[in-house]
Amino acid sequence: MNYLLTPPSLDDLIRLLKAWRFWMLGAIFGALLGAAVYYVVPPPFRAKATVNVDFNLEQAWPQDTDRQQFYYLERESRKLEEIAWSDEVMEQVSSESGFSVEELREGKLQLSQPAEAGWHFYADDKNAQIADSLASAWAEAFVAKSQAEVEAGDINEFVRLEATQSKNLPKERSIPLSGYFLSGSIGFLFLAVFVALFFKPSNR
């Protein structure tokens, strides 16, 4: 096979299958290479704070109408999400951390939440303690602002929020070592297949 647009022949596929030992060694080599990258240029730490959000559906809609409950959950969830990224909350976290609002919004902070129960506030940084303080400050600022909105009547009065995990947060790398193993193996195997198909040695 000498051309990129030429489909592989049966001989090409047979040659690839016969080289199974090469693929195994290549996968191991690629995984080791990925691990080396992980330790030489490690991904940032990620801290996770948790806020429990209880919408109290039974009290808000005692008639048990599914459509109204769904609309209520969606509406209040969107309000809370907007509060989490609001200027006031971001500026408070910025003043406590020293990072600009732009940095916080453009990858430093991440929000993952279901409709109800635990909302997770993630913060990434090369320093584990900074990631911890960022996630903690964000979760606490969110709870304070949301409770103020509940008292002001802008959020339904039945919504209850509590920062259940905002101190001594769990911290781990934002990308696990297994991800580097897998990426290294797949990357090396892809390169090896490309070389084997398109750079067949001549028999002269």
C-alpha atoms as a PDB file:
ATOM      1  CA  MET A   1       0.000   0.000   0.000  1.00  0.00           C
ATOM      2  CA  ASN A   2       1.774   3.124  -1.253  1.00  0.00           C
ATOM      3  CA  TYR A   3      -0.947   5.758  -1.501  1.00  0.00           C
ATOM      4  CA  LEU A   4      -3.123   7.362   1.143  1.00  0.00           C
ATOM      5  CA  LEU A   5      -6.260   7.100  -0.989  1.00  0.00           C
ATOM      6  CA  THR A   6      -5.660   3.475  -1.961  1.00  0.00           C
ATOM      7  CA  PRO A   7      -7.746   1.033   0.118  1.00  0.00           C
ATOM      8  CA  PRO A   8      -5.722  -1.584   2.026  1.00  0.00           C
ATOM      9  CA  SER A   9      -5.321  -4.923   0.336  1.00  0.00           C
ATOM     10  CA  LEU A  10      -5.838  -8.320   1.931  1.00  0.00           C
ATOM     11  CA  ASP A  11      -2.054  -8.707   2.190  1.00  0.00           C
ATOM     12  CA  ASP A  12      -1.860  -5.442   4.109  1.00  0.00           C
ATOM     13  CA  LEU A  13      -4.427  -6.615   6.639  1.00  0.00           C
ATOM     14  CA  ILE A  14      -2.767 -10.025   7.007  1.00  0.00           C
ATOM     15  CA  ARG A  15       0.581  -8.326   7.624  1.00  0.00           C
ATOM     16  CA  LEU A  16      -0.988  -6.193  10.342  1.00  0.00           C
ATOM     17  CA  LEU A  17      -2.589  -9.185  12.066  1.00  0.00           C
ATOM     18  CA  LYS A  18       0.643 -11.179  12.019  1.00  0.00           C
ATOM     19  CA  ALA A  19       2.435  -8.423  13.878  1.00  0.00           C
ATOM     20  CA  TRP A  20       0.467  -8.962  17.095  1.00  0.00           C
ATOM     21  CA  ARG A  21       3.647  -9.131  19.201  1.00  0.00           C
ATOM     22  CA  PHE A  22       4.631  -5.737  17.866  1.00  0.00           C
ATOM     23  CA  TRP A  23       1.217  -4.320  18.779  1.00  0.00           C
ATOM     24  CA  MET A  24       1.464  -5.637  22.335  1.00  0.00           C
ATOM     25  CA  LEU A  25       4.939  -4.226  22.831  1.00  0.00           C
ATOM     26  CA  GLY A  26       3.861  -0.995  21.191  1.00  0.00           C
ATOM     27  CA  ALA A  27       0.873  -0.665  23.512  1.00  0.00           C
ATOM     28  CA  ILE A  28       3.110  -1.186  26.541  1.00  0.00           C
ATOM     29  CA  PHE A  29       5.670   1.297  25.227  1.00  0.00           C
ATOM     30  CA  GLY A  30       2.944   3.852  24.513  1.00  0.00           C
ATOM     31  CA  ALA A  31       1.500   3.431  28.010  1.00  0.00           C
ATOM     32  CA  LEU A  32       4.942   3.934  29.564  1.00  0.00           C
ATOM     33  CA  LEU A  33       5.468   7.008  27.413  1.00  0.00           C
ATOM     34  CA  GLY A  34       2.109   8.373  28.569  1.00  0.00           C
ATOM     35  CA  ALA A  35       3.060   7.730  32.201  1.00  0.00           C
ATOM     36  CA  ALA A  36       6.349   9.566  31.659  1.00  0.00           C
ATOM     37  CA  VAL A  37       4.470  12.589  30.325  1.00  0.00           C
ATOM     38  CA  TYR A  38       2.123  12.423  33.330  1.00  0.00           C
ATOM     39  CA  TYR A  39       5.012  12.646  35.801  1.00  0.00           C
ATOM     40  CA  VAL A  40       7.096  15.153  33.827  1.00  0.00           C
ATOM     41  CA  VAL A  41       4.199  17.510  32.998  1.00  0.00           C
ATOM     42  CA  PRO A  42       1.435  16.533  35.439  1.00  0.00           C
ATOM     43  CA  PRO A  43      -2.128  17.839  35.001  1.00  0.00           C
ATOM     44  CA  PRO A  44      -3.395  20.344  37.581  1.00  0.00           C
ATOM     45  CA  PHE A  45      -4.991  19.287  40.838  1.00  0.00           C
ATOM     46  CA  ARG A  46      -8.780  19.349  41.048  1.00  0.00           C
ATOM     47  CA  ALA A  47     -10.630  20.038  44.301  1.00  0.00           C
ATOM     48  CA  LYS A  48     -14.338  19.332  44.732  1.00  0.00           C
ATOM     49  CA  ALA A  49     -16.697  21.146  47.081  1.00  0.00           C
ATOM     50  CA  THR A  50     -20.290  19.984  47.496  1.00  0.00           C
ATOM     51  CA  VAL A  51     -23.458  21.951  48.168  1.00  0.00           C
ATOM     52  CA  ASN A  52     -26.667  20.080  48.931  1.00  0.00           C
ATOM     53  CA  VAL A  53     -29.621  21.688  47.166  1.00  0.00           C
ATOM     54  CA  ASP A  54     -33.065  20.587  48.351  1.00  0.00           C
ATOM     55  CA  PHE A  55     -35.994  21.893  46.297  1.00  0.00           C
ATOM     56  CA  ASN A  56     -38.588  20.388  48.676  1.00  0.00           C
ATOM     57  CA  LEU A  57     -40.937  19.301  45.911  1.00  0.00           C
ATOM     58  CA  GLU A  58     -43.486  17.885  48.334  1.00  0.00           C
ATOM     59  CA  GLN A  59     -43.995  21.270  49.975  1.00  0.00           C
ATOM     60  CA  ALA A  60     -43.684  23.401  46.843  1.00  0.00           C
ATOM     61  CA  TRP A  61     -46.187  21.308  44.851  1.00  0.00           C
ATOM     62  CA  PRO A  62     -48.246  19.174  47.257  1.00  0.00           C
ATOM     63  CA  GLN A  63     -50.753  18.428  44.461  1.00  0.00           C
ATOM     64  CA  ASP A  64     -48.155  16.052  42.967  1.00  0.00           C
ATOM     65  CA  THR A  65     -48.500  17.276  39.388  1.00  0.00           C
ATOM     66  CA  ASP A  66     -45.504  15.982  37.453  1.00  0.00           C
ATOM     67  CA  ARG A  67     -45.522  18.715  34.814  1.00  0.00           C
ATOM     68  CA  GLN A  68     -45.547  21.509  37.358  1.00  0.00           C
ATOM     69  CA  GLN A  69     -42.812  19.817  39.411  1.00  0.00           C
ATOM     70  CA  PHE A  70     -40.609  19.412  36.335  1.00  0.00           C
ATOM     71  CA  TYR A  71     -41.075  23.061  35.385  1.00  0.00           C
ATOM     72  CA  TYR A  72     -40.352  24.115  38.959  1.00  0.00           C
ATOM     73  CA  LEU A  73     -37.135  22.074  39.105  1.00  0.00           C
ATOM     74  CA  GLU A  74     -35.890  23.353  35.756  1.00  0.00           C
ATOM     75  CA  ARG A  75     -36.711  26.991  36.550  1.00  0.00           C
ATOM     76  CA  GLU A  76     -35.117  27.044  39.991  1.00  0.00           C
ATOM     77  CA  SER A  77     -32.079  25.040  38.803  1.00  0.00           C
ATOM     78  CA  ARG A  78     -31.403  27.555  36.047  1.00  0.00           C
ATOM     79  CA  LYS A  79     -31.715  30.419  38.502  1.00  0.00           C
ATOM     80  CA  LEU A  80     -29.204  28.806  40.836  1.00  0.00           C
ATOM     81  CA  GLU A  81     -26.803  28.054  38.001  1.00  0.00           C
ATOM     82  CA  GLU A  82     -26.914  31.692  36.943  1.00  0.00           C
ATOM     83  CA  ILE A  83     -26.145  32.706  40.518  1.00  0.00           C
ATOM     84  CA  ALA A  84     -23.137  30.365  40.601  1.00  0.00           C
ATOM     85  CA  TRP A  85     -21.595  32.182  37.613  1.00  0.00           C
ATOM     86  CA  SER A  86     -22.918  35.638  38.460  1.00  0.00           C
ATOM     87  CA  ASP A  87     -20.636  38.682  38.593  1.00  0.00           C
ATOM     88  CA  GLU A  88     -21.178  39.092  42.330  1.00  0.00           C
ATOM     89  CA  VAL A  89     -20.152  35.522  43.161  1.00  0.00           C
ATOM     90  CA  MET A  90     -17.223  35.532  40.734  1.00  0.00           C
ATOM     91  CA  GLU A  91     -15.951  38.872  42.035  1.00  0.00           C
ATOM     92  CA  GLN A  92     -16.079  37.604  45.603  1.00  0.00           C
ATOM     93  CA  VAL A  93     -14.088  34.495  44.690  1.00  0.00           C
ATOM     94  CA  SER A  94     -11.693  36.674  42.691  1.00  0.00           C
ATOM     95  CA  SER A  95     -11.080  38.996  45.628  1.00  0.00           C
ATOM     96  CA  GLU A  96     -10.366  36.050  47.924  1.00  0.00           C
ATOM     97  CA  SER A  97      -8.145  34.133  45.507  1.00  0.00           C
ATOM     98  CA  GLY A  98      -6.341  36.796  43.488  1.00  0.00           C
ATOM     99  CA  PHE A  99      -7.426  35.306  40.152  1.00  0.00           C
ATOM    100  CA  SER A 100      -9.301  37.481  37.687  1.00  0.00           C
ATOM    101  CA  VAL A 101     -12.944  36.786  36.901  1.00  0.00           C
ATOM    102  CA  GLU A 102     -11.927  35.901  33.338  1.00  0.00           C
ATOM    103  CA  GLU A 103      -9.509  33.235  34.585  1.00  0.00           C
ATOM    104  CA  LEU A 104     -12.145  31.766  36.873  1.00  0.00           C
ATOM    105  CA  ARG A 105     -14.756  31.530  34.138  1.00  0.00           C
ATOM    106  CA  GLU A 106     -12.391  30.279  31.432  1.00  0.00           C
ATOM    107  CA  GLY A 107     -11.423  26.924  32.895  1.00  0.00           C
ATOM    108  CA  LYS A 108     -10.344  27.525  36.483  1.00  0.00           C
ATOM    109  CA  LEU A 109     -13.798  26.663  37.838  1.00  0.00           C
ATOM    110  CA  GLN A 110     -16.282  24.046  36.692  1.00  0.00           C
ATOM    111  CA  LEU A 111     -19.801  23.297  37.864  1.00  0.00           C
ATOM    112  CA  SER A 112     -21.450  19.903  37.723  1.00  0.00           C
ATOM    113  CA  GLN A 113     -24.875  19.418  39.258  1.00  0.00           C
ATOM    114  CA  PRO A 114     -28.015  17.311  39.020  1.00  0.00           C
ATOM    115  CA  ALA A 115     -31.456  18.838  39.320  1.00  0.00           C
ATOM    116  CA  GLU A 116     -31.486  18.172  43.044  1.00  0.00           C
ATOM    117  CA  ALA A 117     -29.151  16.990  45.815  1.00  0.00           C
ATOM    118  CA  GLY A 118     -25.382  17.436  45.523  1.00  0.00           C
ATOM    119  CA  TRP A 119     -24.037  20.243  43.352  1.00  0.00           C
ATOM    120  CA  HIS A 120     -20.294  19.850  42.824  1.00  0.00           C
ATOM    121  CA  PHE A 121     -18.006  22.870  42.567  1.00  0.00           C
ATOM    122  CA  TYR A 122     -14.648  22.029  40.966  1.00  0.00           C
ATOM    123  CA  ALA A 123     -11.491  24.149  40.943  1.00  0.00           C
ATOM    124  CA  ASP A 124      -8.255  23.356  39.071  1.00  0.00           C
ATOM    125  CA  ASP A 125      -4.767  24.574  39.914  1.00  0.00           C
ATOM    126  CA  LYS A 126      -1.191  23.309  39.917  1.00  0.00           C
ATOM    127  CA  ASN A 127      -1.135  23.885  43.673  1.00  0.00           C
ATOM    128  CA  ALA A 128      -3.474  21.550  45.572  1.00  0.00           C
ATOM    129  CA  GLN A 129      -4.075  24.031  48.394  1.00  0.00           C
ATOM    130  CA  ILE A 130      -5.009  26.805  45.979  1.00  0.00           C
ATOM    131  CA  ALA A 131      -7.466  24.471  44.239  1.00  0.00           C
ATOM    132  CA  ASP A 132      -8.909  23.635  47.667  1.00  0.00           C
ATOM    133  CA  SER A 133      -9.369  27.274  48.648  1.00  0.00           C
ATOM    134  CA  LEU A 134     -10.881  28.167  45.262  1.00  0.00           C
ATOM    135  CA  ALA A 135     -13.516  25.423  45.373  1.00  0.00           C
ATOM    136  CA  SER A 136     -14.320  26.218  48.997  1.00  0.00           C
ATOM    137  CA  ALA A 137     -14.670  29.960  48.373  1.00  0.00           C
ATOM    138  CA  TRP A 138     -16.890  29.370  45.344  1.00  0.00           C
ATOM    139  CA  ALA A 139     -19.235  26.980  47.157  1.00  0.00           C
ATOM    140  CA  GLU A 140     -19.588  29.245  50.179  1.00  0.00           C
ATOM    141  CA  ALA A 141     -20.130  32.363  48.069  1.00  0.00           C
ATOM    142  CA  PHE A 142     -22.788  30.494  46.071  1.00  0.00           C
ATOM    143  CA  VAL A 143     -24.638  29.402  49.203  1.00  0.00           C
ATOM    144  CA  ALA A 144     -24.542  32.906  50.725  1.00  0.00           C
ATOM    145  CA  LYS A 145     -25.804  34.577  47.558  1.00  0.00           C
ATOM    146  CA  SER A 146     -28.491  31.941  46.939  1.00  0.00           C
ATOM    147  CA  GLN A 147     -29.824  32.179  50.481  1.00  0.00           C
ATOM    148  CA  ALA A 148     -30.004  35.956  50.110  1.00  0.00           C
ATOM    149  CA  GLU A 149     -32.023  35.469  46.911  1.00  0.00           C
ATOM    150  CA  VAL A 150     -34.368  33.071  48.740  1.00  0.00           C
ATOM    151  CA  GLU A 151     -34.925  35.661  51.480  1.00  0.00           C
ATOM    152  CA  ALA A 152     -35.514  38.345  48.845  1.00  0.00           C
ATOM    153  CA  GLY A 153     -38.140  36.173  47.136  1.00  0.00           C
ATOM    154  CA  ASP A 154     -36.221  35.732  43.861  1.00  0.00           C
ATOM    155  CA  ILE A 155     -35.694  32.018  44.582  1.00  0.00           C
ATOM    156  CA  ASN A 156     -38.590  29.859  45.769  1.00  0.00           C
ATOM    157  CA  GLU A 157     -38.925  29.954  49.549  1.00  0.00           C
ATOM    158  CA  PHE A 158     -38.884  26.154  49.803  1.00  0.00           C
ATOM    159  CA  VAL A 159     -35.377  25.826  48.323  1.00  0.00           C
ATOM    160  CA  ARG A 160     -32.769  24.959  50.954  1.00  0.00           C
ATOM    161  CA  LEU A 161     -29.002  25.025  50.440  1.00  0.00           C
ATOM    162  CA  GLU A 162     -26.175  23.748  52.621  1.00  0.00           C
ATOM    163  CA  ALA A 163     -22.448  23.538  51.954  1.00  0.00           C
ATOM    164  CA  THR A 164     -21.968  19.939  53.051  1.00  0.00           C
ATOM    165  CA  GLN A 165     -18.322  19.738  52.001  1.00  0.00           C
ATOM    166  CA  SER A 166     -16.304  22.951  51.868  1.00  0.00           C
ATOM    167  CA  LYS A 167     -13.320  22.226  54.135  1.00  0.00           C
ATOM    168  CA  ASN A 168     -10.431  19.788  53.689  1.00  0.00           C
ATOM    169  CA  LEU A 169     -11.732  18.931  50.243  1.00  0.00           C
ATOM    170  CA  PRO A 170     -10.819  15.804  48.272  1.00  0.00           C
ATOM    171  CA  LYS A 171      -8.125  16.648  45.739  1.00  0.00           C
ATOM    172  CA  GLU A 172      -6.899  14.621  42.801  1.00  0.00           C
ATOM    173  CA  ARG A 173      -5.377  15.234  39.400  1.00  0.00           C
ATOM    174  CA  SER A 174      -7.840  16.603  36.857  1.00  0.00           C
ATOM    175  CA  ILE A 175      -6.806  13.809  34.461  1.00  0.00           C
ATOM    176  CA  PRO A 176      -6.036  10.398  36.015  1.00  0.00           C
ATOM    177  CA  LEU A 177      -2.888   8.430  35.261  1.00  0.00           C
ATOM    178  CA  SER A 178      -5.022   5.803  33.511  1.00  0.00           C
ATOM    179  CA  GLY A 179      -6.037   8.437  30.955  1.00  0.00           C
ATOM    180  CA  TYR A 180      -2.389   8.976  30.054  1.00  0.00           C
ATOM    181  CA  PHE A 181      -1.847   5.210  29.840  1.00  0.00           C
ATOM    182  CA  LEU A 182      -4.754   4.858  27.432  1.00  0.00           C
ATOM    183  CA  SER A 183      -3.848   7.903  25.337  1.00  0.00           C
ATOM    184  CA  GLY A 184      -0.236   6.762  25.037  1.00  0.00           C
ATOM    185  CA  SER A 185      -1.195   3.243  23.980  1.00  0.00           C
ATOM    186  CA  ILE A 186      -3.790   4.357  21.429  1.00  0.00           C
ATOM    187  CA  GLY A 187      -1.537   7.066  20.038  1.00  0.00           C
ATOM    188  CA  PHE A 188       1.409   4.720  19.555  1.00  0.00           C
ATOM    189  CA  LEU A 189      -0.752   1.995  18.002  1.00  0.00           C
ATOM    190  CA  PHE A 190      -2.318   4.458  15.564  1.00  0.00           C
ATOM    191  CA  LEU A 191       1.110   5.693  14.529  1.00  0.00           C
ATOM    192  CA  ALA A 192       2.414   2.135  14.182  1.00  0.00           C
ATOM    193  CA  VAL A 193      -0.497   1.087  11.947  1.00  0.00           C
ATOM    194  CA  PHE A 194      -0.003   4.156   9.781  1.00  0.00           C
ATOM    195  CA  VAL A 195       3.705   3.408   9.386  1.00  0.00           C
ATOM    196  CA  ALA A 196       3.098  -0.290   8.694  1.00  0.00           C
ATOM    197  CA  LEU A 197       0.535   0.409   5.971  1.00  0.00           C
ATOM    198  CA  PHE A 198       2.026   3.380   4.193  1.00  0.00           C
ATOM    199  CA  PHE A 199       5.740   2.834   4.590  1.00  0.00           C
ATOM    200  CA  LYS A 200       6.168  -0.764   3.543  1.00  0.00           C
ATOM    201  CA  PRO A 201       9.874  -1.589   3.138  1.00  0.00           C
ATOM    202  CA  SER A 202      11.030  -2.432  -0.382  1.00  0.00           C
ATOM    203  CA  ASN A 203      12.255  -5.958  -1.204  1.00  0.00           C
ATOM    204  CA  ARG A 204      15.188  -4.873  -3.322  1.00  0.00           C
END
